[in-house]
Protein backbone atom coordinates (compact mmCIF):
# COMPACT_ATOMS: atom_id res chain seq x y z
CA UNK A 1 0.00 0.00 0.00
CA UNK A 2 1.42 3.41 -0.95
CA UNK A 3 1.19 6.25 1.55
CA UNK A 4 1.14 9.79 0.17
CA UNK A 5 3.41 12.10 2.12
CA UNK A 6 3.17 15.83 2.62
CA UNK A 7 6.71 16.42 1.38
CA UNK A 8 8.52 14.42 -1.28
CA UNK A 9 11.60 14.21 0.94
CA UNK A 10 9.55 12.30 3.50
CA UNK A 11 8.76 9.36 1.23
CA UNK A 12 9.28 6.38 3.50
CA UNK A 13 11.78 3.65 2.74
CA UNK A 14 10.56 0.07 2.44
CA UNK A 15 11.38 -0.51 6.13
CA UNK A 16 9.54 2.63 7.15
CA UNK A 17 6.56 1.66 5.01
CA UNK A 18 6.49 -1.77 6.67
CA UNK A 19 6.67 -0.03 10.05
CA UNK A 20 3.73 2.24 9.16
CA UNK A 21 1.62 -0.73 8.08
CA UNK A 22 2.44 -2.84 11.17
CA UNK A 23 1.97 0.06 13.57
CA UNK A 24 -1.41 0.85 11.96
CA UNK A 25 -2.37 -2.78 12.62
CA UNK A 26 -1.64 -2.24 16.32
CA UNK A 27 1.70 -4.01 16.58
CA UNK A 28 3.93 -2.99 19.53
CA UNK A 29 7.31 -1.35 19.04
CA UNK A 30 9.05 -4.44 20.45
CA UNK A 31 7.28 -6.77 18.05
CA UNK A 32 7.94 -4.49 15.05
CA UNK A 33 11.62 -4.13 16.04
CA UNK A 34 11.97 -7.92 16.00
CA UNK A 35 10.08 -8.20 12.69
CA UNK A 36 11.99 -5.60 10.66
CA UNK A 37 15.30 -5.45 12.56
CA UNK A 38 15.25 -1.82 13.67
CA UNK A 39 15.82 -0.47 17.18
CA UNK A 40 12.89 0.56 19.32
CA UNK A 41 14.34 4.09 19.59
CA UNK A 42 14.30 4.41 15.78
CA UNK A 43 10.73 3.15 15.68
CA UNK A 44 9.65 5.78 18.21
CA UNK A 45 11.25 8.46 16.03
CA UNK A 46 9.47 7.08 12.96
CA UNK A 47 6.23 6.97 14.92
CA UNK A 48 6.44 10.74 15.47
CA UNK A 49 7.55 11.39 11.90
CA UNK A 50 4.80 9.28 10.31
CA UNK A 51 2.01 9.77 12.87
CA UNK A 52 -0.50 11.05 10.31
CA UNK A 53 0.17 8.20 7.89
CA UNK A 54 -0.17 5.64 10.71
CA UNK A 55 -3.43 7.19 11.95
CA UNK A 56 -4.89 7.44 8.45
CA UNK A 57 -3.98 3.86 7.59
CA UNK A 58 -5.41 2.69 10.94
CA UNK A 59 -8.67 4.53 10.16
CA UNK A 60 -8.87 2.95 6.70
CA UNK A 61 -8.30 -0.54 8.13
CA UNK A 62 -10.86 -0.02 10.89
CA UNK A 63 -13.39 1.17 8.33
CA UNK A 64 -12.82 -1.99 6.29
CA UNK A 65 -13.28 -4.19 9.37
CA UNK A 66 -16.39 -2.25 10.37
CA UNK A 67 -17.89 -2.73 6.90
CA UNK A 68 -17.54 -6.51 7.34
CA UNK A 69 -19.20 -6.68 10.76
CA UNK A 70 -21.57 -3.74 11.10
CA UNK A 71 -24.61 -3.49 8.90
CA UNK A 72 -25.40 -0.27 7.15
CA UNK A 73 -28.14 1.92 8.56
CA UNK A 74 -30.50 0.85 5.79
CA UNK A 75 -29.81 -2.85 6.44
CA UNK A 76 -30.44 -2.41 10.19
CA UNK A 77 -33.70 -0.58 9.51
CA UNK A 78 -34.78 -3.29 7.05
CA UNK A 79 -34.05 -6.05 9.61
CA UNK A 80 -35.85 -4.14 12.37
CA UNK A 81 -38.81 -3.64 10.04
CA UNK A 82 -38.93 -7.38 9.31
CA UNK A 83 -38.85 -8.18 13.03
CA UNK A 84 -41.60 -5.64 13.71
CA UNK A 85 -43.73 -7.13 10.94
CA UNK A 86 -43.25 -10.64 12.38
CA UNK A 87 -44.31 -9.41 15.82
CA UNK A 88 -47.34 -7.60 14.41
CA UNK A 89 -48.33 -10.73 12.47
CA UNK A 90 -48.10 -12.73 15.71
CA UNK A 91 -50.13 -10.13 17.59
CA UNK A 92 -52.90 -10.44 14.99
CA UNK A 93 -53.19 -14.14 15.87
CA UNK A 94 -53.49 -13.47 19.61
CA UNK A 95 -56.73 -13.16 21.54
CA UNK A 96 -56.49 -10.05 23.71
CA UNK A 97 -59.77 -10.81 25.45
CA UNK A 98 -57.83 -12.75 28.08
CA UNK A 99 -55.69 -9.75 29.08
CA UNK A 100 -56.54 -8.15 32.43
CA UNK A 101 -58.30 -4.78 32.28
CA UNK A 102 -55.36 -2.79 33.74
CA UNK A 103 -53.08 -4.23 31.05
CA UNK A 104 -55.56 -3.27 28.31
CA UNK A 105 -55.67 0.30 29.67
CA UNK A 106 -51.89 0.40 29.72
CA UNK A 107 -51.64 -0.81 26.12
CA UNK A 108 -54.30 1.69 25.01
CA UNK A 109 -52.43 4.57 26.68
CA UNK A 110 -49.18 3.50 25.09
CA UNK A 111 -50.80 3.34 21.66
CA UNK A 112 -52.31 6.82 22.15
CA UNK A 113 -48.84 8.19 23.02
CA UNK A 114 -47.37 6.61 19.89
CA UNK A 115 -50.15 8.03 17.71
CA UNK A 116 -49.65 11.51 19.19
CA UNK A 117 -45.89 11.27 18.71
CA UNK A 118 -46.27 10.22 15.08
CA UNK A 119 -48.92 12.84 14.34
CA UNK A 120 -47.31 15.80 16.05
CA UNK A 121 -48.47 19.29 15.17
CA UNK A 122 -47.85 20.18 11.55
CA UNK A 123 -46.52 23.69 10.95
CA UNK A 124 -46.51 25.04 7.43
CA UNK A 125 -43.93 27.61 6.41
CA UNK A 126 -43.18 29.60 3.28
CA UNK A 127 -39.86 30.89 1.99
CA UNK A 128 -39.54 34.64 2.56
CA UNK A 129 -39.33 35.40 -1.15
CA UNK A 130 -42.77 33.75 -1.66
CA UNK A 131 -44.47 36.10 0.82
CA UNK A 132 -45.72 39.33 -0.79
CA UNK A 133 -43.94 42.36 0.65
CA UNK A 134 -47.11 43.93 2.03
CA UNK A 135 -47.94 40.70 3.94
CA UNK A 136 -44.48 40.16 5.42
CA UNK A 137 -43.80 41.02 9.04
CA UNK A 138 -40.94 40.21 11.39
CA UNK A 139 -43.16 37.77 13.28
CA UNK A 140 -43.27 34.07 12.55
CA UNK A 141 -46.35 33.14 10.52
CA UNK A 142 -48.19 30.38 12.33
CA UNK A 143 -50.20 28.40 9.76
CA UNK A 144 -51.18 25.60 12.13
CA UNK A 145 -54.85 24.88 12.47
C-alpha atoms as a PDB file:
ATOM      1  CA  UNK A   1       0.000   0.000   0.000  1.00  0.00           C
ATOM      2  CA  UNK A   2       1.425   3.406  -0.952  1.00  0.00           C
ATOM      3  CA  UNK A   3       1.187   6.254   1.552  1.00  0.00           C
ATOM      4  CA  UNK A   4       1.143   9.793   0.171  1.00  0.00           C
ATOM      5  CA  UNK A   5       3.406  12.098   2.118  1.00  0.00           C
ATOM      6  CA  UNK A   6       3.166  15.832   2.616  1.00  0.00           C
ATOM      7  CA  UNK A   7       6.710  16.422   1.376  1.00  0.00           C
ATOM      8  CA  UNK A   8       8.516  14.415  -1.284  1.00  0.00           C
ATOM      9  CA  UNK A   9      11.596  14.210   0.938  1.00  0.00           C
ATOM     10  CA  UNK A  10       9.549  12.299   3.500  1.00  0.00           C
ATOM     11  CA  UNK A  11       8.763   9.359   1.228  1.00  0.00           C
ATOM     12  CA  UNK A  12       9.276   6.381   3.504  1.00  0.00           C
ATOM     13  CA  UNK A  13      11.776   3.654   2.744  1.00  0.00           C
ATOM     14  CA  UNK A  14      10.564   0.071   2.437  1.00  0.00           C
ATOM     15  CA  UNK A  15      11.379  -0.511   6.127  1.00  0.00           C
ATOM     16  CA  UNK A  16       9.536   2.634   7.153  1.00  0.00           C
ATOM     17  CA  UNK A  17       6.560   1.665   5.007  1.00  0.00           C
ATOM     18  CA  UNK A  18       6.489  -1.775   6.672  1.00  0.00           C
ATOM     19  CA  UNK A  19       6.671  -0.033  10.051  1.00  0.00           C
ATOM     20  CA  UNK A  20       3.725   2.242   9.160  1.00  0.00           C
ATOM     21  CA  UNK A  21       1.617  -0.734   8.084  1.00  0.00           C
ATOM     22  CA  UNK A  22       2.442  -2.842  11.169  1.00  0.00           C
ATOM     23  CA  UNK A  23       1.972   0.060  13.566  1.00  0.00           C
ATOM     24  CA  UNK A  24      -1.411   0.849  11.957  1.00  0.00           C
ATOM     25  CA  UNK A  25      -2.372  -2.782  12.618  1.00  0.00           C
ATOM     26  CA  UNK A  26      -1.636  -2.241  16.317  1.00  0.00           C
ATOM     27  CA  UNK A  27       1.701  -4.008  16.581  1.00  0.00           C
ATOM     28  CA  UNK A  28       3.930  -2.987  19.533  1.00  0.00           C
ATOM     29  CA  UNK A  29       7.313  -1.345  19.039  1.00  0.00           C
ATOM     30  CA  UNK A  30       9.046  -4.441  20.453  1.00  0.00           C
ATOM     31  CA  UNK A  31       7.281  -6.769  18.046  1.00  0.00           C
ATOM     32  CA  UNK A  32       7.943  -4.494  15.053  1.00  0.00           C
ATOM     33  CA  UNK A  33      11.616  -4.130  16.042  1.00  0.00           C
ATOM     34  CA  UNK A  34      11.973  -7.921  15.999  1.00  0.00           C
ATOM     35  CA  UNK A  35      10.081  -8.197  12.695  1.00  0.00           C
ATOM     36  CA  UNK A  36      11.989  -5.597  10.657  1.00  0.00           C
ATOM     37  CA  UNK A  37      15.301  -5.451  12.558  1.00  0.00           C
ATOM     38  CA  UNK A  38      15.248  -1.821  13.669  1.00  0.00           C
ATOM     39  CA  UNK A  39      15.821  -0.471  17.181  1.00  0.00           C
ATOM     40  CA  UNK A  40      12.889   0.556  19.318  1.00  0.00           C
ATOM     41  CA  UNK A  41      14.343   4.094  19.593  1.00  0.00           C
ATOM     42  CA  UNK A  42      14.297   4.414  15.780  1.00  0.00           C
ATOM     43  CA  UNK A  43      10.727   3.146  15.682  1.00  0.00           C
ATOM     44  CA  UNK A  44       9.650   5.783  18.207  1.00  0.00           C
ATOM     45  CA  UNK A  45      11.248   8.463  16.029  1.00  0.00           C
ATOM     46  CA  UNK A  46       9.475   7.079  12.962  1.00  0.00           C
ATOM     47  CA  UNK A  47       6.234   6.973  14.925  1.00  0.00           C
ATOM     48  CA  UNK A  48       6.442  10.739  15.472  1.00  0.00           C
ATOM     49  CA  UNK A  49       7.547  11.387  11.898  1.00  0.00           C
ATOM     50  CA  UNK A  50       4.795   9.275  10.305  1.00  0.00           C
ATOM     51  CA  UNK A  51       2.006   9.769  12.875  1.00  0.00           C
ATOM     52  CA  UNK A  52      -0.501  11.054  10.306  1.00  0.00           C
ATOM     53  CA  UNK A  53       0.171   8.198   7.891  1.00  0.00           C
ATOM     54  CA  UNK A  54      -0.170   5.637  10.708  1.00  0.00           C
ATOM     55  CA  UNK A  55      -3.428   7.191  11.954  1.00  0.00           C
ATOM     56  CA  UNK A  56      -4.891   7.435   8.448  1.00  0.00           C
ATOM     57  CA  UNK A  57      -3.980   3.858   7.592  1.00  0.00           C
ATOM     58  CA  UNK A  58      -5.412   2.687  10.943  1.00  0.00           C
ATOM     59  CA  UNK A  59      -8.671   4.530  10.164  1.00  0.00           C
ATOM     60  CA  UNK A  60      -8.868   2.946   6.699  1.00  0.00           C
ATOM     61  CA  UNK A  61      -8.297  -0.536   8.127  1.00  0.00           C
ATOM     62  CA  UNK A  62     -10.857  -0.024  10.892  1.00  0.00           C
ATOM     63  CA  UNK A  63     -13.388   1.172   8.332  1.00  0.00           C
ATOM     64  CA  UNK A  64     -12.822  -1.993   6.287  1.00  0.00           C
ATOM     65  CA  UNK A  65     -13.283  -4.186   9.375  1.00  0.00           C
ATOM     66  CA  UNK A  66     -16.386  -2.247  10.367  1.00  0.00           C
ATOM     67  CA  UNK A  67     -17.888  -2.728   6.905  1.00  0.00           C
ATOM     68  CA  UNK A  68     -17.545  -6.507   7.345  1.00  0.00           C
ATOM     69  CA  UNK A  69     -19.196  -6.676  10.757  1.00  0.00           C
ATOM     70  CA  UNK A  70     -21.566  -3.741  11.099  1.00  0.00           C
ATOM     71  CA  UNK A  71     -24.608  -3.492   8.898  1.00  0.00           C
ATOM     72  CA  UNK A  72     -25.397  -0.271   7.150  1.00  0.00           C
ATOM     73  CA  UNK A  73     -28.140   1.916   8.563  1.00  0.00           C
ATOM     74  CA  UNK A  74     -30.504   0.849   5.788  1.00  0.00           C
ATOM     75  CA  UNK A  75     -29.814  -2.848   6.439  1.00  0.00           C
ATOM     76  CA  UNK A  76     -30.438  -2.409  10.190  1.00  0.00           C
ATOM     77  CA  UNK A  77     -33.705  -0.578   9.507  1.00  0.00           C
ATOM     78  CA  UNK A  78     -34.776  -3.288   7.053  1.00  0.00           C
ATOM     79  CA  UNK A  79     -34.054  -6.051   9.612  1.00  0.00           C
ATOM     80  CA  UNK A  80     -35.848  -4.142  12.368  1.00  0.00           C
ATOM     81  CA  UNK A  81     -38.807  -3.644  10.044  1.00  0.00           C
ATOM     82  CA  UNK A  82     -38.928  -7.378   9.307  1.00  0.00           C
ATOM     83  CA  UNK A  83     -38.851  -8.175  13.033  1.00  0.00           C
ATOM     84  CA  UNK A  84     -41.598  -5.638  13.712  1.00  0.00           C
ATOM     85  CA  UNK A  85     -43.734  -7.131  10.938  1.00  0.00           C
ATOM     86  CA  UNK A  86     -43.248 -10.640  12.376  1.00  0.00           C
ATOM     87  CA  UNK A  87     -44.315  -9.412  15.818  1.00  0.00           C
ATOM     88  CA  UNK A  88     -47.337  -7.599  14.411  1.00  0.00           C
ATOM     89  CA  UNK A  89     -48.334 -10.733  12.474  1.00  0.00           C
ATOM     90  CA  UNK A  90     -48.098 -12.733  15.706  1.00  0.00           C
ATOM     91  CA  UNK A  91     -50.127 -10.127  17.591  1.00  0.00           C
ATOM     92  CA  UNK A  92     -52.905 -10.437  14.988  1.00  0.00           C
ATOM     93  CA  UNK A  93     -53.186 -14.139  15.870  1.00  0.00           C
ATOM     94  CA  UNK A  94     -53.487 -13.473  19.609  1.00  0.00           C
ATOM     95  CA  UNK A  95     -56.728 -13.163  21.539  1.00  0.00           C
ATOM     96  CA  UNK A  96     -56.487 -10.048  23.707  1.00  0.00           C
ATOM     97  CA  UNK A  97     -59.772 -10.811  25.448  1.00  0.00           C
ATOM     98  CA  UNK A  98     -57.827 -12.749  28.083  1.00  0.00           C
ATOM     99  CA  UNK A  99     -55.694  -9.755  29.079  1.00  0.00           C
ATOM    100  CA  UNK A 100     -56.536  -8.149  32.430  1.00  0.00           C
ATOM    101  CA  UNK A 101     -58.301  -4.780  32.278  1.00  0.00           C
ATOM    102  CA  UNK A 102     -55.361  -2.792  33.744  1.00  0.00           C
ATOM    103  CA  UNK A 103     -53.081  -4.234  31.049  1.00  0.00           C
ATOM    104  CA  UNK A 104     -55.564  -3.266  28.312  1.00  0.00           C
ATOM    105  CA  UNK A 105     -55.674   0.296  29.665  1.00  0.00           C
ATOM    106  CA  UNK A 106     -51.889   0.402  29.724  1.00  0.00           C
ATOM    107  CA  UNK A 107     -51.645  -0.814  26.124  1.00  0.00           C
ATOM    108  CA  UNK A 108     -54.297   1.689  25.009  1.00  0.00           C
ATOM    109  CA  UNK A 109     -52.429   4.570  26.684  1.00  0.00           C
ATOM    110  CA  UNK A 110     -49.178   3.500  25.092  1.00  0.00           C
ATOM    111  CA  UNK A 111     -50.804   3.340  21.663  1.00  0.00           C
ATOM    112  CA  UNK A 112     -52.313   6.823  22.153  1.00  0.00           C
ATOM    113  CA  UNK A 113     -48.841   8.192  23.022  1.00  0.00           C
ATOM    114  CA  UNK A 114     -47.370   6.608  19.889  1.00  0.00           C
ATOM    115  CA  UNK A 115     -50.146   8.032  17.712  1.00  0.00           C
ATOM    116  CA  UNK A 116     -49.649  11.507  19.192  1.00  0.00           C
ATOM    117  CA  UNK A 117     -45.893  11.270  18.712  1.00  0.00           C
ATOM    118  CA  UNK A 118     -46.270  10.216  15.078  1.00  0.00           C
ATOM    119  CA  UNK A 119     -48.921  12.836  14.337  1.00  0.00           C
ATOM    120  CA  UNK A 120     -47.310  15.796  16.054  1.00  0.00           C
ATOM    121  CA  UNK A 121     -48.472  19.291  15.174  1.00  0.00           C
ATOM    122  CA  UNK A 122     -47.847  20.175  11.546  1.00  0.00           C
ATOM    123  CA  UNK A 123     -46.525  23.694  10.955  1.00  0.00           C
ATOM    124  CA  UNK A 124     -46.506  25.037   7.431  1.00  0.00           C
ATOM    125  CA  UNK A 125     -43.934  27.605   6.410  1.00  0.00           C
ATOM    126  CA  UNK A 126     -43.176  29.601   3.283  1.00  0.00           C
ATOM    127  CA  UNK A 127     -39.857  30.891   1.989  1.00  0.00           C
ATOM    128  CA  UNK A 128     -39.537  34.640   2.562  1.00  0.00           C
ATOM    129  CA  UNK A 129     -39.332  35.401  -1.152  1.00  0.00           C
ATOM    130  CA  UNK A 130     -42.769  33.748  -1.656  1.00  0.00           C
ATOM    131  CA  UNK A 131     -44.475  36.100   0.823  1.00  0.00           C
ATOM    132  CA  UNK A 132     -45.718  39.331  -0.787  1.00  0.00           C
ATOM    133  CA  UNK A 133     -43.938  42.365   0.651  1.00  0.00           C
ATOM    134  CA  UNK A 134     -47.114  43.934   2.025  1.00  0.00           C
ATOM    135  CA  UNK A 135     -47.939  40.700   3.938  1.00  0.00           C
ATOM    136  CA  UNK A 136     -44.476  40.162   5.420  1.00  0.00           C
ATOM    137  CA  UNK A 137     -43.803  41.020   9.041  1.00  0.00           C
ATOM    138  CA  UNK A 138     -40.942  40.207  11.392  1.00  0.00           C
ATOM    139  CA  UNK A 139     -43.164  37.768  13.283  1.00  0.00           C
ATOM    140  CA  UNK A 140     -43.270  34.067  12.546  1.00  0.00           C
ATOM    141  CA  UNK A 141     -46.348  33.142  10.521  1.00  0.00           C
ATOM    142  CA  UNK A 142     -48.188  30.378  12.332  1.00  0.00           C
ATOM    143  CA  UNK A 143     -50.203  28.404   9.762  1.00  0.00           C
ATOM    144  CA  UNK A 144     -51.179  25.596  12.132  1.00  0.00           C
ATOM    145  CA  UNK A 145     -54.851  24.884  12.470  1.00  0.00           C
END
